[in-house]
Amino acid sequence: MTVDWQKSSYCSEGNSCIHIATTRETIRLTESNDPSGAILTATPAAFDALLTALKKEPHRG
Protein backbone atom coordinates (compact mmCIF):
# COMPACT_ATOMS: atom_id res chain seq x y z
CA MET A 1 0.00 0.00 0.00
CA THR A 2 1.32 3.43 -0.96
CA VAL A 3 0.92 6.08 1.70
CA ASP A 4 0.57 9.71 0.61
CA TRP A 5 1.97 11.81 3.44
CA GLN A 6 1.03 15.49 3.82
CA LYS A 7 3.08 17.90 5.95
CA SER A 8 1.24 19.75 8.69
CA SER A 9 0.21 23.29 7.77
CA TYR A 10 1.44 24.38 11.21
CA CYS A 11 5.00 23.35 10.41
CA SER A 12 7.49 26.00 9.45
CA GLU A 13 10.54 25.08 7.41
CA GLY A 14 12.74 22.52 9.12
CA ASN A 15 13.01 18.86 9.93
CA SER A 16 10.71 18.53 12.95
CA CYS A 17 7.33 18.37 11.28
CA ILE A 18 4.33 16.12 11.67
CA HIS A 19 3.08 14.35 8.56
CA ILE A 20 -0.39 12.83 8.18
CA ALA A 21 -1.89 10.25 5.84
CA THR A 22 -5.57 9.35 5.83
CA THR A 23 -7.98 6.80 4.45
CA ARG A 24 -11.61 6.21 5.35
CA GLU A 25 -10.51 3.65 7.94
CA THR A 26 -7.33 5.15 9.41
CA ILE A 27 -5.41 8.28 10.25
CA ARG A 28 -1.63 7.90 10.41
CA LEU A 29 0.87 10.36 11.89
CA THR A 30 4.65 10.35 11.72
CA GLU A 31 7.55 12.76 12.24
CA SER A 32 9.53 14.04 9.26
CA ASN A 33 12.89 13.30 10.93
CA ASP A 34 12.15 9.56 10.78
CA PRO A 35 9.06 8.79 8.66
CA SER A 36 9.66 5.05 8.88
CA GLY A 37 9.96 5.19 12.67
CA ALA A 38 7.17 5.70 15.15
CA ILE A 39 3.83 5.94 13.39
CA LEU A 40 0.56 6.51 15.22
CA THR A 41 -2.38 4.78 13.56
CA ALA A 42 -5.93 5.41 14.73
CA THR A 43 -9.50 5.25 13.51
CA PRO A 44 -11.09 8.62 12.74
CA ALA A 45 -13.31 8.27 15.83
CA ALA A 46 -10.37 7.50 18.12
CA PHE A 47 -8.32 10.35 16.65
CA ASP A 48 -11.24 12.75 17.13
CA ALA A 49 -11.50 11.65 20.77
CA LEU A 50 -7.75 12.27 21.23
CA LEU A 51 -8.00 15.78 19.75
CA THR A 52 -11.05 16.57 21.89
CA ALA A 53 -9.22 15.46 25.04
CA LEU A 54 -6.09 17.44 24.13
CA LYS A 55 -8.10 20.59 23.52
CA LYS A 56 -9.63 20.30 27.00
CA GLU A 57 -6.23 20.07 28.71
CA PRO A 58 -4.73 23.37 29.91
CA HIS A 59 -1.71 24.47 27.88
CA ARG A 60 1.54 23.70 29.61
CA GLY A 61 4.61 25.29 28.23
PDB file of N, CA and C in Angstrom:
ATOM      1  N   MET A   1       0.837  -1.172   0.000  1.00  0.00           N
ATOM      2  CA  MET A   1       0.000   0.000   0.000  1.00  0.00           C
ATOM      3  C   MET A   1       0.890   1.246   0.000  1.00  0.00           C
ATOM      4  N   THR A   2       0.609   2.171  -0.899  1.00  0.00           N
ATOM      5  CA  THR A   2       1.321   3.434  -0.956  1.00  0.00           C
ATOM      6  C   THR A   2       0.641   4.425  -0.028  1.00  0.00           C
ATOM      7  N   VAL A   3       1.446   5.100   0.766  1.00  0.00           N
ATOM      8  CA  VAL A   3       0.919   6.080   1.703  1.00  0.00           C
ATOM      9  C   VAL A   3       1.308   7.469   1.204  1.00  0.00           C
ATOM     10  N   ASP A   4       0.328   8.338   1.028  1.00  0.00           N
ATOM     11  CA  ASP A   4       0.570   9.711   0.605  1.00  0.00           C
ATOM     12  C   ASP A   4       0.592  10.610   1.827  1.00  0.00           C
ATOM     13  N   TRP A   5       1.802  10.981   2.258  1.00  0.00           N
ATOM     14  CA  TRP A   5       1.970  11.810   3.443  1.00  0.00           C
ATOM     15  C   TRP A   5       1.818  13.281   3.085  1.00  0.00           C
ATOM     16  N   GLN A   6       1.192  14.054   3.973  1.00  0.00           N
ATOM     17  CA  GLN A   6       1.031  15.493   3.819  1.00  0.00           C
ATOM     18  C   GLN A   6       1.621  16.164   5.049  1.00  0.00           C
ATOM     19  N   LYS A   7       2.457  17.183   4.836  1.00  0.00           N
ATOM     20  CA  LYS A   7       3.080  17.895   5.949  1.00  0.00           C
ATOM     21  C   LYS A   7       2.055  18.811   6.617  1.00  0.00           C
ATOM     22  N   SER A   8       2.126  18.893   7.926  1.00  0.00           N
ATOM     23  CA  SER A   8       1.236  19.749   8.694  1.00  0.00           C
ATOM     24  C   SER A   8       1.342  21.195   8.243  1.00  0.00           C
ATOM     25  N   SER A   9       0.215  21.876   8.143  1.00  0.00           N
ATOM     26  CA  SER A   9       0.211  23.285   7.767  1.00  0.00           C
ATOM     27  C   SER A   9       0.762  24.169   8.887  1.00  0.00           C
ATOM     28  N   TYR A  10       0.887  23.634  10.089  1.00  0.00           N
ATOM     29  CA  TYR A  10       1.435  24.385  11.213  1.00  0.00           C
ATOM     30  C   TYR A  10       2.953  24.293  11.287  1.00  0.00           C
ATOM     31  N   CYS A  11       3.551  23.569  10.387  1.00  0.00           N
ATOM     32  CA  CYS A  11       4.998  23.351  10.414  1.00  0.00           C
ATOM     33  C   CYS A  11       5.702  24.422   9.586  1.00  0.00           C
ATOM     34  N   SER A  12       6.657  25.074  10.205  1.00  0.00           N
ATOM     35  CA  SER A  12       7.494  26.000   9.446  1.00  0.00           C
ATOM     36  C   SER A  12       8.582  25.176   8.767  1.00  0.00           C
ATOM     37  N   GLU A  13       9.453  25.810   8.062  1.00  0.00           N
ATOM     38  CA  GLU A  13      10.544  25.085   7.410  1.00  0.00           C
ATOM     39  C   GLU A  13      11.423  24.421   8.463  1.00  0.00           C
ATOM     40  N   GLY A  14      11.903  23.246   8.178  1.00  0.00           N
ATOM     41  CA  GLY A  14      12.742  22.522   9.121  1.00  0.00           C
ATOM     42  C   GLY A  14      12.459  21.043   9.072  1.00  0.00           C
ATOM     43  N   ASN A  15      13.097  20.311   9.957  1.00  0.00           N
ATOM     44  CA  ASN A  15      13.008  18.855   9.935  1.00  0.00           C
ATOM     45  C   ASN A  15      12.105  18.269  11.003  1.00  0.00           C
ATOM     46  N   SER A  16      11.535  19.068  11.871  1.00  0.00           N
ATOM     47  CA  SER A  16      10.709  18.534  12.951  1.00  0.00           C
ATOM     48  C   SER A  16       9.245  18.817  12.670  1.00  0.00           C
ATOM     49  N   CYS A  17       8.711  18.149  11.683  1.00  0.00           N
ATOM     50  CA  CYS A  17       7.325  18.374  11.275  1.00  0.00           C
ATOM     51  C   CYS A  17       6.519  17.090  11.422  1.00  0.00           C
ATOM     52  N   ILE A  18       5.245  17.250  11.630  1.00  0.00           N
ATOM     53  CA  ILE A  18       4.329  16.118  11.671  1.00  0.00           C
ATOM     54  C   ILE A  18       3.749  15.927  10.271  1.00  0.00           C
ATOM     55  N   HIS A  19       3.688  14.691   9.845  1.00  0.00           N
ATOM     56  CA  HIS A  19       3.083  14.348   8.561  1.00  0.00           C
ATOM     57  C   HIS A  19       1.881  13.451   8.828  1.00  0.00           C
ATOM     58  N   ILE A  20       0.849  13.589   8.003  1.00  0.00           N
ATOM     59  CA  ILE A  20      -0.389  12.835   8.180  1.00  0.00           C
ATOM     60  C   ILE A  20      -0.775  12.164   6.870  1.00  0.00           C
ATOM     61  N   ALA A  21      -1.335  10.974   6.985  1.00  0.00           N
ATOM     62  CA  ALA A  21      -1.893  10.252   5.838  1.00  0.00           C
ATOM     63  C   ALA A  21      -3.234   9.687   6.285  1.00  0.00           C
ATOM     64  N   THR A  22      -4.239   9.804   5.438  1.00  0.00           N
ATOM     65  CA  THR A  22      -5.571   9.350   5.831  1.00  0.00           C
ATOM     66  C   THR A  22      -6.214   8.456   4.781  1.00  0.00           C
ATOM     67  N   THR A  23      -7.063   7.578   5.272  1.00  0.00           N
ATOM     68  CA  THR A  23      -7.983   6.798   4.446  1.00  0.00           C
ATOM     69  C   THR A  23      -9.323   6.871   5.157  1.00  0.00           C
ATOM     70  N   ARG A  24     -10.317   6.229   4.643  1.00  0.00           N
ATOM     71  CA  ARG A  24     -11.611   6.207   5.355  1.00  0.00           C
ATOM     72  C   ARG A  24     -11.504   5.474   6.682  1.00  0.00           C
ATOM     73  N   GLU A  25     -10.605   4.493   6.750  1.00  0.00           N
ATOM     74  CA  GLU A  25     -10.510   3.647   7.939  1.00  0.00           C
ATOM     75  C   GLU A  25      -9.459   4.095   8.946  1.00  0.00           C
ATOM     76  N   THR A  26      -8.428   4.831   8.499  1.00  0.00           N
ATOM     77  CA  THR A  26      -7.326   5.152   9.405  1.00  0.00           C
ATOM     78  C   THR A  26      -6.787   6.562   9.203  1.00  0.00           C
ATOM     79  N   ILE A  27      -6.192   7.057  10.263  1.00  0.00           N
ATOM     80  CA  ILE A  27      -5.410   8.280  10.247  1.00  0.00           C
ATOM     81  C   ILE A  27      -4.041   7.889  10.770  1.00  0.00           C
ATOM     82  N   ARG A  28      -2.996   8.246  10.021  1.00  0.00           N
ATOM     83  CA  ARG A  28      -1.635   7.896  10.410  1.00  0.00           C
ATOM     84  C   ARG A  28      -0.814   9.165  10.564  1.00  0.00           C
ATOM     85  N   LEU A  29      -0.014   9.227  11.627  1.00  0.00           N
ATOM     86  CA  LEU A  29       0.869  10.360  11.888  1.00  0.00           C
ATOM     87  C   LEU A  29       2.298   9.868  12.035  1.00  0.00           C
ATOM     88  N   THR A  30       3.241  10.649  11.538  1.00  0.00           N
ATOM     89  CA  THR A  30       4.651  10.347  11.720  1.00  0.00           C
ATOM     90  C   THR A  30       5.429  11.650  11.759  1.00  0.00           C
ATOM     91  N   GLU A  31       6.684  11.580  12.171  1.00  0.00           N
ATOM     92  CA  GLU A  31       7.548  12.756  12.236  1.00  0.00           C
ATOM     93  C   GLU A  31       8.467  12.762  11.023  1.00  0.00           C
ATOM     94  N   SER A  32       8.727  13.946  10.474  1.00  0.00           N
ATOM     95  CA  SER A  32       9.532  14.042   9.263  1.00  0.00           C
ATOM     96  C   SER A  32      10.979  13.628   9.461  1.00  0.00           C
ATOM     97  N   ASN A  33      11.508  13.726  10.677  1.00  0.00           N
ATOM     98  CA  ASN A  33      12.887  13.297  10.927  1.00  0.00           C
ATOM     99  C   ASN A  33      13.074  11.807  10.680  1.00  0.00           C
ATOM    100  N   ASP A  34      12.056  11.009  10.935  1.00  0.00           N
ATOM    101  CA  ASP A  34      12.146   9.563  10.776  1.00  0.00           C
ATOM    102  C   ASP A  34      10.794   9.008  10.359  1.00  0.00           C
ATOM    103  N   PRO A  35      10.397   9.209   9.090  1.00  0.00           N
ATOM    104  CA  PRO A  35       9.064   8.792   8.661  1.00  0.00           C
ATOM    105  C   PRO A  35       8.810   7.291   8.723  1.00  0.00           C
ATOM    106  N   SER A  36       9.859   6.491   8.773  1.00  0.00           N
ATOM    107  CA  SER A  36       9.658   5.047   8.881  1.00  0.00           C
ATOM    108  C   SER A  36       9.662   4.586  10.333  1.00  0.00           C
ATOM    109  N   GLY A  37       9.903   5.515  11.242  1.00  0.00           N
ATOM    110  CA  GLY A  37       9.962   5.186  12.667  1.00  0.00           C
ATOM    111  C   GLY A  37       8.587   5.109  13.286  1.00  0.00           C
ATOM    112  N   ALA A  38       8.433   5.750  14.410  1.00  0.00           N
ATOM    113  CA  ALA A  38       7.173   5.696  15.150  1.00  0.00           C
ATOM    114  C   ALA A  38       6.037   6.281  14.324  1.00  0.00           C
ATOM    115  N   ILE A  39       5.016   5.501  14.123  1.00  0.00           N
ATOM    116  CA  ILE A  39       3.832   5.937  13.392  1.00  0.00           C
ATOM    117  C   ILE A  39       2.617   5.640  14.253  1.00  0.00           C
ATOM    118  N   LEU A  40       1.809   6.670  14.493  1.00  0.00           N
ATOM    119  CA  LEU A  40       0.560   6.512  15.219  1.00  0.00           C
ATOM    120  C   LEU A  40      -0.524   6.198  14.200  1.00  0.00           C
ATOM    121  N   THR A  41      -1.264   5.138  14.427  1.00  0.00           N
ATOM    122  CA  THR A  41      -2.379   4.778  13.561  1.00  0.00           C
ATOM    123  C   THR A  41      -3.637   4.702  14.413  1.00  0.00           C
ATOM    124  N   ALA A  42      -4.692   5.391  13.968  1.00  0.00           N
ATOM    125  CA  ALA A  42      -5.935   5.411  14.726  1.00  0.00           C
ATOM    126  C   ALA A  42      -7.125   5.468  13.772  1.00  0.00           C
ATOM    127  N   THR A  43      -8.283   5.066  14.285  1.00  0.00           N
ATOM    128  CA  THR A  43      -9.502   5.249  13.508  1.00  0.00           C
ATOM    129  C   THR A  43      -9.867   6.731  13.586  1.00  0.00           C
ATOM    130  N   PRO A  44     -10.666   7.224  12.642  1.00  0.00           N
ATOM    131  CA  PRO A  44     -11.088   8.620  12.741  1.00  0.00           C
ATOM    132  C   PRO A  44     -11.786   8.942  14.059  1.00  0.00           C
ATOM    133  N   ALA A  45     -12.607   8.030  14.568  1.00  0.00           N
ATOM    134  CA  ALA A  45     -13.313   8.274  15.834  1.00  0.00           C
ATOM    135  C   ALA A  45     -12.332   8.366  17.003  1.00  0.00           C
ATOM    136  N   ALA A  46     -11.354   7.479  17.045  1.00  0.00           N
ATOM    137  CA  ALA A  46     -10.366   7.504  18.123  1.00  0.00           C
ATOM    138  C   ALA A  46      -9.496   8.750  18.037  1.00  0.00           C
ATOM    139  N   PHE A  47      -9.132   9.151  16.828  1.00  0.00           N
ATOM    140  CA  PHE A  47      -8.321  10.349  16.647  1.00  0.00           C
ATOM    141  C   PHE A  47      -9.107  11.591  17.060  1.00  0.00           C
ATOM    142  N   ASP A  48     -10.383  11.637  16.727  1.00  0.00           N
ATOM    143  CA  ASP A  48     -11.239  12.750  17.134  1.00  0.00           C
ATOM    144  C   ASP A  48     -11.321  12.830  18.655  1.00  0.00           C
ATOM    145  N   ALA A  49     -11.449  11.674  19.305  1.00  0.00           N
ATOM    146  CA  ALA A  49     -11.497  11.646  20.772  1.00  0.00           C
ATOM    147  C   ALA A  49     -10.181  12.156  21.364  1.00  0.00           C
ATOM    148  N   LEU A  50      -9.058  11.790  20.767  1.00  0.00           N
ATOM    149  CA  LEU A  50      -7.755  12.270  21.231  1.00  0.00           C
ATOM    150  C   LEU A  50      -7.677  13.790  21.104  1.00  0.00           C
ATOM    151  N   LEU A  51      -8.049  14.329  19.943  1.00  0.00           N
ATOM    152  CA  LEU A  51      -8.005  15.778  19.745  1.00  0.00           C
ATOM    153  C   LEU A  51      -8.929  16.505  20.723  1.00  0.00           C
ATOM    154  N   THR A  52     -10.104  15.962  20.944  1.00  0.00           N
ATOM    155  CA  THR A  52     -11.046  16.569  21.888  1.00  0.00           C
ATOM    156  C   THR A  52     -10.451  16.604  23.286  1.00  0.00           C
ATOM    157  N   ALA A  53      -9.834  15.516  23.717  1.00  0.00           N
ATOM    158  CA  ALA A  53      -9.218  15.456  25.042  1.00  0.00           C
ATOM    159  C   ALA A  53      -8.050  16.433  25.149  1.00  0.00           C
ATOM    160  N   LEU A  54      -7.238  16.526  24.102  1.00  0.00           N
ATOM    161  CA  LEU A  54      -6.095  17.436  24.128  1.00  0.00           C
ATOM    162  C   LEU A  54      -6.535  18.897  24.179  1.00  0.00           C
ATOM    163  N   LYS A  55      -7.614  19.211  23.508  1.00  0.00           N
ATOM    164  CA  LYS A  55      -8.103  20.586  23.519  1.00  0.00           C
ATOM    165  C   LYS A  55      -8.658  20.977  24.880  1.00  0.00           C
ATOM    166  N   LYS A  56      -9.105  20.019  25.670  1.00  0.00           N
ATOM    167  CA  LYS A  56      -9.634  20.305  27.005  1.00  0.00           C
ATOM    168  C   LYS A  56      -8.530  20.506  28.030  1.00  0.00           C
ATOM    169  N   GLU A  57      -7.346  19.953  27.780  1.00  0.00           N
ATOM    170  CA  GLU A  57      -6.233  20.069  28.711  1.00  0.00           C
ATOM    171  C   GLU A  57      -5.685  21.496  28.700  1.00  0.00           C
ATOM    172  N   PRO A  58      -5.343  22.036  29.877  1.00  0.00           N
ATOM    173  CA  PRO A  58      -4.735  23.365  29.908  1.00  0.00           C
ATOM    174  C   PRO A  58      -3.359  23.315  29.243  1.00  0.00           C
ATOM    175  N   HIS A  59      -3.014  24.390  28.563  1.00  0.00           N
ATOM    176  CA  HIS A  59      -1.714  24.467  27.879  1.00  0.00           C
ATOM    177  C   HIS A  59      -0.605  24.530  28.907  1.00  0.00           C
ATOM    178  N   ARG A  60       0.376  23.684  28.721  1.00  0.00           N
ATOM    179  CA  ARG A  60       1.542  23.696  29.614  1.00  0.00           C
ATOM    180  C   ARG A  60       2.766  23.985  28.765  1.00  0.00           C
ATOM    181  N   GLY A  61       3.463  25.001  29.045  1.00  0.00           N
ATOM    182  CA  GLY A  61       4.615  25.294  28.230  1.00  0.00           C
ATOM    183  C   GLY A  61       5.415  26.324  28.812  1.00  0.00           C
TER     184      GLY A  61
END
